[in-house]
Amino acid sequence: MIPARYAASRFPGKLMQDLAGKPVIVRTYEAARDTGLFDAVIVVTDSEIIAEAVQRAGGQVVMSQEVHETGSDRLAEAVVDIDTDIVVNVQGDEPFTEAESLEKLIRVFREDPDQQVDLASLMTEINDPEDIANPNTVKVITDKDGFALYFSRAPIPYQRAEEPRAVYFKHKGVYAFRKQALLDFRRLPMLPLEAVEKIEAIRFLEYGKKLKMVQTRISGIEIDTPEDLERAKAAWT
């Protein structure tokens, strides 16, 4: 499922910006569909403009009936009446979505027969100091088994001494949920840490959900700003 909101705060209308002849949201939908991993790929939106673009491309759309603060809330509303075990959330601004990383997420649940994992998400190592310091880059730290301990827009962990060198991971906003975890998210109110950081993944941690992080070597380009869009255009082949 692909949550798609037209009125993005940092780059309004970004999902309808042209990327090599098609809107960004259509490129993202096609990338998810073309992985061949899913029984269905559904765009969930509150925008008639986005809905029409996706439908013209042959895609399936569910229209949101309520106003939502997060993509997870939007998907939770849409998935209530859908018969599924696992829901994979691909952000609408991820046109470089690819099969390798998504397959790793799905594998987490295949290898969890006792259903200890509530949801899984992707992270990729970052080394650029500007990227590490950038508040638009969400960082994540994990325990020894790869479960998320915390997410922050600040550089975490803090490099206190020269050694050992800190390793930084960027959180990519791609999730795989057990359906119940997604439904729980919708009914649980936002708590202070999520409100301060403006990172929806923190809500799962604040309520004790088990969030498994999966490392991927593929970073792609998330389109958060006009500059990102220009980078995506230059990288598109």
C-alpha atoms as a PDB file:
ATOM      1  CA  MET A   1       0.000   0.000   0.000  1.00  0.00           C
ATOM      2  CA  ILE A   2       1.239   3.462  -0.923  1.00  0.00           C
ATOM      3  CA  PRO A   3      -0.020   6.407   1.166  1.00  0.00           C
ATOM      4  CA  ALA A   4      -0.160   9.468  -1.075  1.00  0.00           C
ATOM      5  CA  ARG A   5      -0.972  12.943   0.206  1.00  0.00           C
ATOM      6  CA  TYR A   6      -1.032  15.902  -2.165  1.00  0.00           C
ATOM      7  CA  ALA A   7      -0.369  18.678   0.357  1.00  0.00           C
ATOM      8  CA  ALA A   8       3.127  17.716   1.562  1.00  0.00           C
ATOM      9  CA  SER A   9       4.442  20.402   3.920  1.00  0.00           C
ATOM     10  CA  ARG A  10       8.005  20.643   2.574  1.00  0.00           C
ATOM     11  CA  PHE A  11       7.198  20.216  -1.122  1.00  0.00           C
ATOM     12  CA  PRO A  12       3.461  20.619  -1.863  1.00  0.00           C
ATOM     13  CA  GLY A  13       2.301  18.663  -4.886  1.00  0.00           C
ATOM     14  CA  LYS A  14       5.559  16.729  -5.109  1.00  0.00           C
ATOM     15  CA  LEU A  15       3.841  13.432  -5.963  1.00  0.00           C
ATOM     16  CA  MET A  16       2.420  14.970  -9.120  1.00  0.00           C
ATOM     17  CA  GLN A  17       5.735  16.436 -10.266  1.00  0.00           C
ATOM     18  CA  ASP A  18       7.028  15.075 -13.555  1.00  0.00           C
ATOM     19  CA  LEU A  19       9.717  12.403 -13.417  1.00  0.00           C
ATOM     20  CA  ALA A  20      10.786  11.281 -16.881  1.00  0.00           C
ATOM     21  CA  GLY A  21       7.347  11.768 -18.379  1.00  0.00           C
ATOM     22  CA  LYS A  22       5.168  10.462 -15.529  1.00  0.00           C
ATOM     23  CA  PRO A  23       4.133  11.806 -12.106  1.00  0.00           C
ATOM     24  CA  VAL A  24       6.291  10.726  -9.163  1.00  0.00           C
ATOM     25  CA  ILE A  25       3.394   8.787  -7.625  1.00  0.00           C
ATOM     26  CA  VAL A  26       2.890   6.806 -10.834  1.00  0.00           C
ATOM     27  CA  ARG A  27       6.606   5.991 -10.978  1.00  0.00           C
ATOM     28  CA  THR A  28       6.421   4.763  -7.367  1.00  0.00           C
ATOM     29  CA  TYR A  29       3.297   2.693  -8.030  1.00  0.00           C
ATOM     30  CA  GLU A  30       4.871   1.089 -11.092  1.00  0.00           C
ATOM     31  CA  ALA A  31       8.102   0.349  -9.213  1.00  0.00           C
ATOM     32  CA  ALA A  32       6.195  -1.434  -6.417  1.00  0.00           C
ATOM     33  CA  ARG A  33       4.032  -3.331  -8.896  1.00  0.00           C
ATOM     34  CA  ASP A  34       6.984  -4.390 -10.996  1.00  0.00           C
ATOM     35  CA  THR A  35       8.721  -6.087  -8.062  1.00  0.00           C
ATOM     36  CA  GLY A  36       6.202  -8.918  -8.472  1.00  0.00           C
ATOM     37  CA  LEU A  37       6.182  -9.466  -4.696  1.00  0.00           C
ATOM     38  CA  PHE A  38       2.615  -8.500  -3.881  1.00  0.00           C
ATOM     39  CA  ASP A  39      -0.891  -9.835  -4.328  1.00  0.00           C
ATOM     40  CA  ALA A  40      -2.077  -6.249  -4.791  1.00  0.00           C
ATOM     41  CA  VAL A  41      -0.574  -2.766  -4.938  1.00  0.00           C
ATOM     42  CA  ILE A  42      -2.964  -0.052  -3.738  1.00  0.00           C
ATOM     43  CA  VAL A  43      -2.497   3.715  -3.588  1.00  0.00           C
ATOM     44  CA  VAL A  44      -4.323   5.258  -0.612  1.00  0.00           C
ATOM     45  CA  THR A  45      -4.965   8.968  -1.052  1.00  0.00           C
ATOM     46  CA  ASP A  46      -7.177  11.918  -0.167  1.00  0.00           C
ATOM     47  CA  SER A  47      -6.510  13.606  -3.514  1.00  0.00           C
ATOM     48  CA  GLU A  48      -8.687  13.240  -6.604  1.00  0.00           C
ATOM     49  CA  ILE A  49      -5.767  14.478  -8.696  1.00  0.00           C
ATOM     50  CA  ILE A  50      -3.505  11.674  -7.459  1.00  0.00           C
ATOM     51  CA  ALA A  51      -6.296   9.108  -7.728  1.00  0.00           C
ATOM     52  CA  GLU A  52      -6.980   9.992 -11.362  1.00  0.00           C
ATOM     53  CA  ALA A  53      -3.280   9.820 -12.286  1.00  0.00           C
ATOM     54  CA  VAL A  54      -2.869   6.373 -10.723  1.00  0.00           C
ATOM     55  CA  GLN A  55      -6.082   5.047 -12.264  1.00  0.00           C
ATOM     56  CA  ARG A  56      -5.021   6.272 -15.707  1.00  0.00           C
ATOM     57  CA  ALA A  57      -1.866   4.184 -15.215  1.00  0.00           C
ATOM     58  CA  GLY A  58      -4.004   1.132 -14.460  1.00  0.00           C
ATOM     59  CA  GLY A  59      -3.512   1.264 -10.695  1.00  0.00           C
ATOM     60  CA  GLN A  60      -5.907   0.517  -7.853  1.00  0.00           C
ATOM     61  CA  VAL A  61      -6.883   3.380  -5.530  1.00  0.00           C
ATOM     62  CA  VAL A  62      -8.608   3.625  -2.160  1.00  0.00           C
ATOM     63  CA  MET A  63      -9.843   7.083  -1.170  1.00  0.00           C
ATOM     64  CA  SER A  64      -9.333   8.130   2.450  1.00  0.00           C
ATOM     65  CA  GLN A  65     -12.542   9.087   4.215  1.00  0.00           C
ATOM     66  CA  GLU A  66     -10.900  10.851   7.160  1.00  0.00           C
ATOM     67  CA  VAL A  67      -8.140  13.409   7.704  1.00  0.00           C
ATOM     68  CA  HIS A  68      -4.881  11.738   8.775  1.00  0.00           C
ATOM     69  CA  GLU A  69      -1.698  13.059  10.356  1.00  0.00           C
ATOM     70  CA  THR A  70       0.510  10.159   9.232  1.00  0.00           C
ATOM     71  CA  GLY A  71       0.782   7.675   6.395  1.00  0.00           C
ATOM     72  CA  SER A  72       0.328   4.798   8.841  1.00  0.00           C
ATOM     73  CA  ASP A  73      -3.009   6.253   9.994  1.00  0.00           C
ATOM     74  CA  ARG A  74      -4.084   6.522   6.364  1.00  0.00           C
ATOM     75  CA  LEU A  75      -3.222   2.887   5.673  1.00  0.00           C
ATOM     76  CA  ALA A  76      -4.880   1.701   8.890  1.00  0.00           C
ATOM     77  CA  GLU A  77      -8.194   3.167   7.775  1.00  0.00           C
ATOM     78  CA  ALA A  78      -7.870   1.588   4.333  1.00  0.00           C
ATOM     79  CA  VAL A  79      -6.841  -1.893   5.496  1.00  0.00           C
ATOM     80  CA  VAL A  80      -9.659  -2.522   7.983  1.00  0.00           C
ATOM     81  CA  ASP A  81     -11.788  -4.524   5.534  1.00  0.00           C
ATOM     82  CA  ILE A  82      -8.932  -6.050   3.520  1.00  0.00           C
ATOM     83  CA  ASP A  83      -8.171  -9.731   4.174  1.00  0.00           C
ATOM     84  CA  THR A  84      -4.399  -9.764   4.583  1.00  0.00           C
ATOM     85  CA  ASP A  85      -1.722 -10.838   7.044  1.00  0.00           C
ATOM     86  CA  ILE A  86       1.079  -8.428   6.111  1.00  0.00           C
ATOM     87  CA  VAL A  87       0.858  -4.884   4.767  1.00  0.00           C
ATOM     88  CA  VAL A  88       3.932  -3.310   3.171  1.00  0.00           C
ATOM     89  CA  ASN A  89       3.993   0.487   3.200  1.00  0.00           C
ATOM     90  CA  VAL A  90       5.963   2.085   0.371  1.00  0.00           C
ATOM     91  CA  GLN A  91       6.079   5.873   0.572  1.00  0.00           C
ATOM     92  CA  GLY A  92       4.670   7.713  -2.429  1.00  0.00           C
ATOM     93  CA  ASP A  93       7.890   9.683  -2.896  1.00  0.00           C
ATOM     94  CA  GLU A  94      10.055   6.546  -3.377  1.00  0.00           C
ATOM     95  CA  PRO A  95      10.162   6.035  -7.170  1.00  0.00           C
ATOM     96  CA  PHE A  96      13.384   4.010  -6.896  1.00  0.00           C
ATOM     97  CA  THR A  97      11.668   1.283  -4.841  1.00  0.00           C
ATOM     98  CA  GLU A  98      13.175  -2.107  -5.743  1.00  0.00           C
ATOM     99  CA  ALA A  99      12.556  -5.789  -5.056  1.00  0.00           C
ATOM    100  CA  GLU A 100      15.737  -6.678  -3.137  1.00  0.00           C
ATOM    101  CA  SER A 101      15.005  -4.484  -0.122  1.00  0.00           C
ATOM    102  CA  LEU A 102      11.290  -5.274  -0.004  1.00  0.00           C
ATOM    103  CA  GLU A 103      12.013  -8.990  -0.165  1.00  0.00           C
ATOM    104  CA  LYS A 104      14.218  -8.637   2.933  1.00  0.00           C
ATOM    105  CA  LEU A 105      11.327  -7.040   4.807  1.00  0.00           C
ATOM    106  CA  ILE A 106       8.907  -9.792   3.874  1.00  0.00           C
ATOM    107  CA  ARG A 107      11.471 -12.435   4.905  1.00  0.00           C
ATOM    108  CA  VAL A 108      11.392 -11.080   8.480  1.00  0.00           C
ATOM    109  CA  PHE A 109       7.852 -12.402   8.894  1.00  0.00           C
ATOM    110  CA  ARG A 110       8.543 -15.707   7.169  1.00  0.00           C
ATOM    111  CA  GLU A 111      11.337 -16.275   9.691  1.00  0.00           C
ATOM    112  CA  ASP A 112       9.170 -15.318  12.694  1.00  0.00           C
ATOM    113  CA  PRO A 113       6.878 -18.309  13.326  1.00  0.00           C
ATOM    114  CA  ASP A 114       6.123 -17.197  16.893  1.00  0.00           C
ATOM    115  CA  GLN A 115       4.990 -13.771  15.611  1.00  0.00           C
ATOM    116  CA  GLN A 116       7.276 -11.798  17.909  1.00  0.00           C
ATOM    117  CA  VAL A 117       7.844  -9.041  15.332  1.00  0.00           C
ATOM    118  CA  ASP A 118       5.078  -6.439  15.000  1.00  0.00           C
ATOM    119  CA  LEU A 119       6.624  -4.573  12.100  1.00  0.00           C
ATOM    120  CA  ALA A 120       9.852  -4.237  10.134  1.00  0.00           C
ATOM    121  CA  SER A 121      11.520  -1.329   8.393  1.00  0.00           C
ATOM    122  CA  LEU A 122      14.604  -0.492   6.350  1.00  0.00           C
ATOM    123  CA  MET A 123      17.814   1.312   7.214  1.00  0.00           C
ATOM    124  CA  THR A 124      20.927   2.121   5.250  1.00  0.00           C
ATOM    125  CA  GLU A 125      24.373   3.164   6.487  1.00  0.00           C
ATOM    126  CA  ILE A 126      25.278   6.820   6.000  1.00  0.00           C
ATOM    127  CA  ASN A 127      28.739   8.370   6.044  1.00  0.00           C
ATOM    128  CA  ASP A 128      28.260  11.898   4.720  1.00  0.00           C
ATOM    129  CA  PRO A 129      28.606  14.313   7.697  1.00  0.00           C
ATOM    130  CA  GLU A 130      26.058  16.685   6.152  1.00  0.00           C
ATOM    131  CA  ASP A 131      23.546  13.873   5.802  1.00  0.00           C
ATOM    132  CA  ILE A 132      24.173  12.733   9.380  1.00  0.00           C
ATOM    133  CA  ALA A 133      23.569  16.274  10.681  1.00  0.00           C
ATOM    134  CA  ASN A 134      20.566  16.949   8.412  1.00  0.00           C
ATOM    135  CA  PRO A 135      17.306  16.931  10.444  1.00  0.00           C
ATOM    136  CA  ASN A 136      15.436  15.761   7.340  1.00  0.00           C
ATOM    137  CA  THR A 137      17.461  12.529   7.564  1.00  0.00           C
ATOM    138  CA  VAL A 138      15.926  10.348  10.279  1.00  0.00           C
ATOM    139  CA  LYS A 139      18.530   8.266  12.111  1.00  0.00           C
ATOM    140  CA  VAL A 140      17.914   4.992  13.933  1.00  0.00           C
ATOM    141  CA  ILE A 141      19.813   2.991  16.549  1.00  0.00           C
ATOM    142  CA  THR A 142      19.145  -0.683  17.268  1.00  0.00           C
ATOM    143  CA  ASP A 143      19.876  -3.334  19.869  1.00  0.00           C
ATOM    144  CA  LYS A 144      22.191  -6.278  19.193  1.00  0.00           C
ATOM    145  CA  ASP A 145      19.374  -8.222  17.511  1.00  0.00           C
ATOM    146  CA  GLY A 146      18.453  -5.437  15.130  1.00  0.00           C
ATOM    147  CA  PHE A 147      15.357  -4.165  16.944  1.00  0.00           C
ATOM    148  CA  ALA A 148      14.899  -0.401  16.918  1.00  0.00           C
ATOM    149  CA  LEU A 149      15.750   1.395  20.160  1.00  0.00           C
ATOM    150  CA  TYR A 150      15.076   4.953  18.992  1.00  0.00           C
ATOM    151  CA  PHE A 151      14.674   7.210  15.973  1.00  0.00           C
ATOM    152  CA  SER A 152      15.805  10.827  15.860  1.00  0.00           C
ATOM    153  CA  ARG A 153      16.412  13.760  13.563  1.00  0.00           C
ATOM    154  CA  ALA A 154      19.527  14.446  15.652  1.00  0.00           C
ATOM    155  CA  PRO A 155      22.779  12.556  15.006  1.00  0.00           C
ATOM    156  CA  ILE A 156      22.550   9.382  17.086  1.00  0.00           C
ATOM    157  CA  PRO A 157      24.670   7.898  18.530  1.00  0.00           C
ATOM    158  CA  TYR A 158      26.678  10.882  19.729  1.00  0.00           C
ATOM    159  CA  GLN A 159      30.409  10.640  18.916  1.00  0.00           C
ATOM    160  CA  ARG A 160      31.876  11.307  22.394  1.00  0.00           C
ATOM    161  CA  ALA A 161      35.483  10.228  21.679  1.00  0.00           C
ATOM    162  CA  GLU A 162      37.565   9.507  18.592  1.00  0.00           C
ATOM    163  CA  GLU A 163      37.315   5.743  19.109  1.00  0.00           C
ATOM    164  CA  PRO A 164      35.345   3.665  18.537  1.00  0.00           C
ATOM    165  CA  ARG A 165      33.899   5.374  15.470  1.00  0.00           C
ATOM    166  CA  ALA A 166      30.140   5.712  15.482  1.00  0.00           C
ATOM    167  CA  VAL A 167      28.182   4.000  12.726  1.00  0.00           C
ATOM    168  CA  TYR A 168      25.119   5.898  11.551  1.00  0.00           C
ATOM    169  CA  PHE A 169      22.023   4.483   9.908  1.00  0.00           C
ATOM    170  CA  LYS A 170      19.361   6.358   8.000  1.00  0.00           C
ATOM    171  CA  HIS A 171      15.801   5.176   8.469  1.00  0.00           C
ATOM    172  CA  LYS A 172      14.056   4.653   5.158  1.00  0.00           C
ATOM    173  CA  GLY A 173      10.306   5.143   5.458  1.00  0.00           C
ATOM    174  CA  VAL A 174       9.414   1.711   4.101  1.00  0.00           C
ATOM    175  CA  TYR A 175       7.582  -0.594   6.510  1.00  0.00           C
ATOM    176  CA  ALA A 176       6.037  -4.036   6.654  1.00  0.00           C
ATOM    177  CA  PHE A 177       3.323  -4.461   9.299  1.00  0.00           C
ATOM    178  CA  ARG A 178       1.313  -7.240  10.747  1.00  0.00           C
ATOM    179  CA  LYS A 179      -2.217  -6.022  10.101  1.00  0.00           C
ATOM    180  CA  GLN A 180      -2.998  -5.823  13.816  1.00  0.00           C
ATOM    181  CA  ALA A 181       0.008  -3.584  14.493  1.00  0.00           C
ATOM    182  CA  LEU A 182      -1.268  -1.164  11.875  1.00  0.00           C
ATOM    183  CA  LEU A 183      -4.776  -1.182  13.338  1.00  0.00           C
ATOM    184  CA  ASP A 184      -3.316  -0.635  16.823  1.00  0.00           C
ATOM    185  CA  PHE A 185      -1.359   2.376  15.574  1.00  0.00           C
ATOM    186  CA  ARG A 186      -4.557   4.088  14.492  1.00  0.00           C
ATOM    187  CA  ARG A 187      -6.252   3.803  17.887  1.00  0.00           C
ATOM    188  CA  LEU A 188      -3.222   4.771  19.986  1.00  0.00           C
ATOM    189  CA  PRO A 189      -2.826   8.517  20.644  1.00  0.00           C
ATOM    190  CA  MET A 190       0.392  10.324  19.842  1.00  0.00           C
ATOM    191  CA  LEU A 191       2.774  10.571  22.816  1.00  0.00           C
ATOM    192  CA  PRO A 192       5.384  13.269  23.606  1.00  0.00           C
ATOM    193  CA  LEU A 193       8.460  11.804  21.875  1.00  0.00           C
ATOM    194  CA  GLU A 194       6.666  11.342  18.548  1.00  0.00           C
ATOM    195  CA  ALA A 195       5.171  14.828  18.874  1.00  0.00           C
ATOM    196  CA  VAL A 196       8.593  16.394  19.490  1.00  0.00           C
ATOM    197  CA  GLU A 197      10.527  14.546  16.765  1.00  0.00           C
ATOM    198  CA  LYS A 198       7.660  14.335  14.219  1.00  0.00           C
ATOM    199  CA  ILE A 199       8.603  10.705  13.463  1.00  0.00           C
ATOM    200  CA  GLU A 200       5.652   8.316  13.378  1.00  0.00           C
ATOM    201  CA  ALA A 201       7.824   5.212  13.949  1.00  0.00           C
ATOM    202  CA  ILE A 202       8.458   6.422  17.504  1.00  0.00           C
ATOM    203  CA  ARG A 203       4.804   5.741  18.377  1.00  0.00           C
ATOM    204  CA  PHE A 204       5.371   2.012  17.954  1.00  0.00           C
ATOM    205  CA  LEU A 205       8.330   2.132  20.330  1.00  0.00           C
ATOM    206  CA  GLU A 206       6.520   4.248  22.913  1.00  0.00           C
ATOM    207  CA  TYR A 207       3.780   1.603  23.063  1.00  0.00           C
ATOM    208  CA  GLY A 208       6.193  -1.340  23.267  1.00  0.00           C
ATOM    209  CA  LYS A 209       5.872  -2.733  19.741  1.00  0.00           C
ATOM    210  CA  LYS A 210       8.768  -4.819  18.384  1.00  0.00           C
ATOM    211  CA  LEU A 211      10.174  -3.085  15.313  1.00  0.00           C
ATOM    212  CA  LYS A 212      12.835  -5.062  13.444  1.00  0.00           C
ATOM    213  CA  MET A 213      15.253  -3.030  11.340  1.00  0.00           C
ATOM    214  CA  VAL A 214      16.630  -4.535   8.142  1.00  0.00           C
ATOM    215  CA  GLN A 215      19.800  -3.141   6.622  1.00  0.00           C
ATOM    216  CA  THR A 216      19.853  -2.499   2.902  1.00  0.00           C
ATOM    217  CA  ARG A 217      22.726  -1.316   0.755  1.00  0.00           C
ATOM    218  CA  ILE A 218      20.356   0.509  -1.612  1.00  0.00           C
ATOM    219  CA  SER A 219      19.602   4.082  -0.585  1.00  0.00           C
ATOM    220  CA  GLY A 220      17.645   5.338  -3.602  1.00  0.00           C
ATOM    221  CA  ILE A 221      16.345   8.911  -3.706  1.00  0.00           C
ATOM    222  CA  GLU A 222      13.397  10.051  -1.588  1.00  0.00           C
ATOM    223  CA  ILE A 223      11.786  13.144  -3.047  1.00  0.00           C
ATOM    224  CA  ASP A 224      11.334  15.536  -0.124  1.00  0.00           C
ATOM    225  CA  THR A 225      12.491  18.746  -1.803  1.00  0.00           C
ATOM    226  CA  PRO A 226      12.738  20.270  -5.305  1.00  0.00           C
ATOM    227  CA  GLU A 227      16.467  19.524  -5.155  1.00  0.00           C
ATOM    228  CA  ASP A 228      15.703  15.841  -4.568  1.00  0.00           C
ATOM    229  CA  LEU A 229      13.479  15.856  -7.635  1.00  0.00           C
ATOM    230  CA  GLU A 230      16.306  17.222  -9.761  1.00  0.00           C
ATOM    231  CA  ARG A 231      18.615  14.499  -8.433  1.00  0.00           C
ATOM    232  CA  ALA A 232      15.994  11.879  -9.264  1.00  0.00           C
ATOM    233  CA  LYS A 233      15.658  13.218 -12.803  1.00  0.00           C
ATOM    234  CA  ALA A 234      19.416  13.075 -13.268  1.00  0.00           C
ATOM    235  CA  ALA A 235      19.560   9.493 -11.924  1.00  0.00           C
ATOM    236  CA  TRP A 236      16.579   8.159 -13.879  1.00  0.00           C
ATOM    237  CA  THR A 237      17.526   5.955 -16.812  1.00  0.00           C
END
